[in-house]
């Protein structure tokens, strides 16, 4: 693929947006770069073909195909080709919420991030080539959405230090999601049964859930049951709270009410009144 690139003027309106795009492009062959003062925006760089070496904070990392790195603004760095041809793709961005958004997505800075060839990240340079070719409007909100979409792709498919990507983690847990969907009304559904579904230990299942959702399997199950109870409270306004609790897997309606209040800030009766 031939090189392409777009630079964008940052307006005062752009500076107030959560994120805004400052540049995007592909270098058919990346020439050596040495930035002693860093780059003024967040800077993403990844390898399309060939390989290169990227140095930041005294550490040098090799970037092969389907590997990239994200840098915060003003971090001194340099990079150069290790192969006769090193094709790279870059995206730079800034924004009023650049730091908190990348932090909330738990995106690693200055660590190589890799992804599988069958993920959207592997073809992102082609996606943007089309947009640049047809003069897609990257200004304002459009550019902000493009950056956020890209960052969520990194979150979903990126792998750091050999850990599976978020999408792989969800794929592994699919049998549990199906089990909960079908059996949430069974009060005997618990951690041991869910672990047995995947033929792994309860501790391992707990680890997988916390990596994918930030909560334990039991907390996920409780949240799912409460969500289902909300649907019943609204769709069946005359149904007693006690039978709603039983339908979603609570043997004790007082436990149901306590859990509902803890997760929603109101009782089931108050919730029902709000939507009646």
Protein backbone atom coordinates (compact mmCIF):
# COMPACT_ATOMS: atom_id res chain seq x y z
CA UNK A 1 0.00 0.00 0.00
CA UNK A 2 1.24 3.49 -0.85
CA UNK A 3 1.98 6.07 1.81
CA UNK A 4 -0.73 8.50 2.85
CA UNK A 5 -1.19 11.05 5.61
CA UNK A 6 -3.44 13.79 6.92
CA UNK A 7 -2.62 16.58 9.38
CA UNK A 8 -5.42 18.44 11.10
CA UNK A 9 -5.70 22.01 12.32
CA UNK A 10 -6.69 22.14 15.99
CA UNK A 11 -9.33 24.78 16.69
CA UNK A 12 -10.37 26.18 20.07
CA UNK A 13 -13.51 24.06 19.80
CA UNK A 14 -11.41 20.93 19.22
CA UNK A 15 -9.38 21.66 22.36
CA UNK A 16 -12.56 21.46 24.44
CA UNK A 17 -13.54 18.04 23.04
CA UNK A 18 -12.76 14.89 25.09
CA UNK A 19 -10.54 13.68 22.22
CA UNK A 20 -9.51 15.11 18.87
CA UNK A 21 -7.45 13.76 16.01
CA UNK A 22 -4.23 15.59 15.12
CA UNK A 23 -2.80 13.32 12.39
CA UNK A 24 -3.13 9.90 10.80
CA UNK A 25 -1.20 8.13 8.08
CA UNK A 26 0.91 5.30 6.72
CA UNK A 27 4.63 5.37 5.90
CA UNK A 28 5.48 2.86 3.20
CA UNK A 29 9.03 2.87 4.55
CA UNK A 30 9.62 4.48 7.93
CA UNK A 31 12.69 6.71 8.10
CA UNK A 32 14.61 7.12 11.40
CA UNK A 33 13.03 9.44 13.98
CA UNK A 34 14.69 10.98 17.05
CA UNK A 35 12.52 13.26 19.20
CA UNK A 36 14.52 14.47 22.19
CA UNK A 37 11.56 16.49 23.47
CA UNK A 38 8.93 13.92 22.56
CA UNK A 39 5.79 14.53 20.52
CA UNK A 40 3.24 17.18 21.63
CA UNK A 41 0.24 14.79 21.40
CA UNK A 42 -0.56 11.18 22.25
CA UNK A 43 1.24 9.12 19.63
CA UNK A 44 0.37 5.63 18.40
CA UNK A 45 2.72 3.79 16.02
CA UNK A 46 2.47 0.21 14.77
CA UNK A 47 4.12 -2.06 12.24
CA UNK A 48 2.26 -3.04 9.08
CA UNK A 49 5.19 -5.02 7.61
CA UNK A 50 8.86 -5.52 8.37
CA UNK A 51 10.12 -4.58 11.82
CA UNK A 52 11.73 -1.71 13.69
CA UNK A 53 13.16 -0.75 17.06
CA UNK A 54 11.46 1.80 19.31
CA UNK A 55 13.32 3.38 22.23
CA UNK A 56 11.72 5.37 25.06
CA UNK A 57 12.87 6.02 28.64
CA UNK A 58 16.04 4.04 28.03
CA UNK A 59 14.21 0.86 26.98
CA UNK A 60 14.30 -0.47 23.42
CA UNK A 61 11.45 -2.58 22.06
CA UNK A 62 11.21 -4.40 18.76
CA UNK A 63 7.96 -3.86 16.86
CA UNK A 64 7.12 -6.62 14.40
CA UNK A 65 3.95 -6.99 12.29
CA UNK A 66 0.73 -6.44 14.25
CA UNK A 67 2.60 -4.80 17.11
CA UNK A 68 2.41 -1.18 18.20
CA UNK A 69 3.10 1.24 21.02
CA UNK A 70 1.24 4.16 22.60
CA UNK A 71 3.12 7.17 23.98
CA UNK A 72 1.92 10.02 26.14
CA UNK A 73 2.76 13.56 25.03
CA UNK A 74 6.30 14.91 25.47
CA UNK A 75 8.02 11.57 26.14
CA UNK A 76 11.49 11.54 24.48
CA UNK A 77 11.78 8.67 22.02
CA UNK A 78 13.38 7.43 18.82
CA UNK A 79 12.75 4.65 16.32
CA UNK A 80 14.35 3.15 13.22
CA UNK A 81 13.94 0.24 10.80
CA UNK A 82 15.52 -3.14 11.51
CA UNK A 83 14.57 -4.58 8.11
CA UNK A 84 15.19 -3.19 4.59
CA UNK A 85 11.55 -2.05 4.50
CA UNK A 86 9.59 -1.09 7.61
CA UNK A 87 6.02 -0.02 6.88
CA UNK A 88 4.28 1.76 9.77
CA UNK A 89 0.90 3.30 10.57
CA UNK A 90 0.44 6.18 12.97
CA UNK A 91 -2.35 8.06 14.69
CA UNK A 92 -1.86 11.06 16.96
CA UNK A 93 -4.47 12.67 19.14
CA UNK A 94 -5.06 15.03 22.02
CA UNK A 95 -8.05 16.22 24.00
CA UNK A 96 -9.31 17.57 27.29
CA UNK A 97 -9.89 14.01 28.53
CA UNK A 98 -7.04 12.20 26.76
CA UNK A 99 -5.36 11.11 29.99
CA UNK A 100 -8.47 9.96 31.90
CA UNK A 101 -9.92 8.14 28.87
CA UNK A 102 -6.76 6.16 28.14
CA UNK A 103 -6.46 5.46 31.88
CA UNK A 104 -10.09 4.32 32.19
CA UNK A 105 -9.56 1.96 29.25
CA UNK A 106 -6.42 0.70 31.04
CA UNK A 107 -4.34 1.16 27.89
CA UNK A 108 -0.65 0.52 28.49
CA UNK A 109 1.84 3.25 27.60
CA UNK A 110 5.37 2.49 26.39
CA UNK A 111 4.73 -1.25 26.27
CA UNK A 112 4.38 -3.23 23.02
CA UNK A 113 0.78 -4.12 22.27
CA UNK A 114 0.06 -6.93 19.81
CA UNK A 115 -3.07 -8.39 18.19
CA UNK A 116 -4.15 -11.32 16.04
CA UNK A 117 -4.24 -11.09 12.24
CA UNK A 118 -8.00 -11.74 12.09
CA UNK A 119 -8.92 -8.68 14.20
CA UNK A 120 -10.00 -5.24 12.91
CA UNK A 121 -6.71 -3.75 14.13
CA UNK A 122 -4.83 -5.72 11.48
CA UNK A 123 -6.65 -3.80 8.73
CA UNK A 124 -7.06 -0.41 10.40
CA UNK A 125 -4.51 1.18 8.01
CA UNK A 126 -6.69 0.11 5.07
CA UNK A 127 -9.80 1.48 6.78
CA UNK A 128 -8.21 4.91 7.16
CA UNK A 129 -6.72 4.84 3.66
CA UNK A 130 -10.25 4.70 2.28
CA UNK A 131 -11.40 7.55 4.50
CA UNK A 132 -8.44 9.70 3.54
CA UNK A 133 -8.93 8.90 -0.15
CA UNK A 134 -12.54 10.07 -0.07
CA UNK A 135 -11.85 13.15 2.06
CA UNK A 136 -13.73 11.93 5.11
CA UNK A 137 -14.40 14.80 7.52
CA UNK A 138 -12.16 14.23 10.55
CA UNK A 139 -12.91 17.62 12.11
CA UNK A 140 -14.69 18.16 15.41
CA UNK A 141 -16.97 15.43 16.71
CA UNK A 142 -16.21 13.11 13.76
CA UNK A 143 -12.52 13.08 14.62
CA UNK A 144 -13.29 12.61 18.31
CA UNK A 145 -15.41 9.55 17.52
CA UNK A 146 -12.65 8.14 15.28
CA UNK A 147 -10.10 8.37 18.10
CA UNK A 148 -12.42 6.83 20.67
CA UNK A 149 -13.33 4.00 18.29
CA UNK A 150 -9.66 3.25 17.70
CA UNK A 151 -8.88 3.26 21.43
CA UNK A 152 -11.72 0.84 22.12
CA UNK A 153 -10.35 -1.48 19.41
CA UNK A 154 -7.00 -1.42 21.24
CA UNK A 155 -8.80 -2.24 24.47
CA UNK A 156 -10.82 -5.04 22.91
CA UNK A 157 -8.16 -6.76 20.81
CA UNK A 158 -4.80 -5.62 22.17
CA UNK A 159 -2.57 -8.02 24.11
CA UNK A 160 0.19 -6.93 26.47
CA UNK A 161 2.93 -9.15 27.95
CA UNK A 162 1.38 -12.32 26.54
CA UNK A 163 -1.98 -11.79 28.27
CA UNK A 164 -5.07 -12.67 26.17
CA UNK A 165 -7.03 -9.79 24.70
CA UNK A 166 -10.35 -8.67 26.18
CA UNK A 167 -12.20 -10.24 23.23
CA UNK A 168 -10.41 -13.57 23.81
CA UNK A 169 -11.34 -13.41 27.47
CA UNK A 170 -15.01 -12.87 26.64
CA UNK A 171 -14.87 -15.68 24.09
CA UNK A 172 -13.52 -18.04 26.77
CA UNK A 173 -16.38 -17.05 29.09
CA UNK A 174 -19.15 -17.45 26.50
CA UNK A 175 -20.38 -20.80 27.98
CA UNK A 176 -20.80 -19.05 31.35
CA UNK A 177 -22.77 -16.19 29.81
CA UNK A 178 -25.09 -18.73 28.17
CA UNK A 179 -25.44 -20.69 31.42
CA UNK A 180 -26.37 -17.55 33.36
CA UNK A 181 -28.83 -16.48 30.64
CA UNK A 182 -30.60 -19.84 30.79
CA UNK A 183 -30.32 -20.68 34.51
CA UNK A 184 -30.29 -17.36 36.37
CA UNK A 185 -33.61 -18.29 38.01
CA UNK A 186 -32.07 -21.37 39.65
CA UNK A 187 -31.07 -20.44 43.22
CA UNK A 188 -28.50 -23.24 43.19
CA UNK A 189 -26.53 -21.64 40.36
CA UNK A 190 -23.23 -20.58 41.92
CA UNK A 191 -19.49 -20.36 41.52
CA UNK A 192 -18.81 -24.12 41.66
CA UNK A 193 -21.33 -24.91 38.93
CA UNK A 194 -20.04 -22.12 36.70
CA UNK A 195 -16.45 -23.30 37.15
CA UNK A 196 -17.47 -26.87 36.34
CA UNK A 197 -18.99 -25.62 33.08
CA UNK A 198 -15.49 -24.60 31.92
CA UNK A 199 -13.75 -27.45 33.73
CA UNK A 200 -11.53 -25.05 35.64
CA UNK A 201 -11.11 -24.18 39.32
CA UNK A 202 -13.29 -21.57 41.02
CA UNK A 203 -10.19 -19.48 41.63
CA UNK A 204 -9.27 -19.53 37.92
CA UNK A 205 -12.82 -18.56 36.94
CA UNK A 206 -12.71 -15.69 39.40
CA UNK A 207 -9.46 -14.48 37.81
CA UNK A 208 -10.93 -14.65 34.28
CA UNK A 209 -14.02 -12.67 35.29
CA UNK A 210 -12.06 -9.99 37.08
CA UNK A 211 -9.83 -9.52 34.03
CA UNK A 212 -12.82 -9.24 31.69
CA UNK A 213 -15.33 -7.41 33.89
CA UNK A 214 -13.56 -6.16 36.98
CA UNK A 215 -15.99 -8.12 39.18
CA UNK A 216 -16.27 -11.67 40.47
CA UNK A 217 -18.52 -14.26 38.76
CA UNK A 218 -20.93 -14.07 41.71
CA UNK A 219 -21.15 -10.27 41.47
CA UNK A 220 -21.79 -10.58 37.74
CA UNK A 221 -24.57 -13.11 38.42
CA UNK A 222 -26.16 -10.82 41.03
CA UNK A 223 -26.09 -7.87 38.61
CA UNK A 224 -27.63 -10.03 35.89
CA UNK A 225 -30.42 -11.19 38.25
CA UNK A 226 -31.17 -7.63 39.31
CA UNK A 227 -31.34 -6.53 35.67
CA UNK A 228 -33.82 -9.32 34.93
CA UNK A 229 -35.85 -8.36 38.00
CA UNK A 230 -36.12 -4.80 36.67
CA UNK A 231 -37.62 -6.15 33.44
CA UNK A 232 -40.21 -8.13 35.41
CA UNK A 233 -41.04 -5.25 37.76
CA UNK A 234 -41.80 -3.03 34.76
CA UNK A 235 -43.50 -5.56 32.48
CA UNK A 236 -45.61 -7.12 35.25
CA UNK A 237 -46.57 -4.18 37.51
CA UNK A 238 -49.01 -6.21 39.62
CA UNK A 239 -46.69 -9.11 40.31
CA UNK A 240 -45.64 -9.37 43.99
CA UNK A 241 -42.01 -8.54 44.74
CA UNK A 242 -41.64 -11.91 46.48
CA UNK A 243 -42.40 -13.87 43.29
CA UNK A 244 -40.18 -11.58 41.24
CA UNK A 245 -37.36 -12.40 43.65
CA UNK A 246 -38.03 -16.14 43.27
CA UNK A 247 -38.16 -15.87 39.47
CA UNK A 248 -34.66 -14.41 39.31
CA UNK A 249 -33.04 -16.87 41.70
CA UNK A 250 -33.42 -15.37 45.19
CA UNK A 251 -34.76 -17.74 47.84
CA UNK A 252 -35.16 -14.93 50.36
CA UNK A 253 -37.06 -11.82 49.26
CA UNK A 254 -35.39 -9.72 52.01
CA UNK A 255 -32.00 -10.64 50.47
CA UNK A 256 -33.37 -9.62 47.09
CA UNK A 257 -34.51 -6.23 48.41
CA UNK A 258 -31.14 -5.59 50.11
CA UNK A 259 -29.24 -6.54 46.96
CA UNK A 260 -31.54 -4.48 44.73
CA UNK A 261 -31.07 -1.42 46.94
CA UNK A 262 -27.29 -1.89 47.11
CA UNK A 263 -27.01 -2.02 43.31
CA UNK A 264 -29.60 0.58 42.32
CA UNK A 265 -29.92 2.92 45.29
CA UNK A 266 -33.64 2.20 45.69
CA UNK A 267 -36.00 -0.61 46.65
CA UNK A 268 -37.88 -2.70 44.05
CA UNK A 269 -41.13 -0.91 45.00
CA UNK A 270 -39.51 2.51 44.56
CA UNK A 271 -38.08 1.41 41.21
CA UNK A 272 -41.49 0.19 40.04
CA UNK A 273 -43.17 3.44 41.06
CA UNK A 274 -40.55 5.39 39.12
CA UNK A 275 -41.55 3.60 35.91
CA UNK A 276 -45.27 3.15 36.49
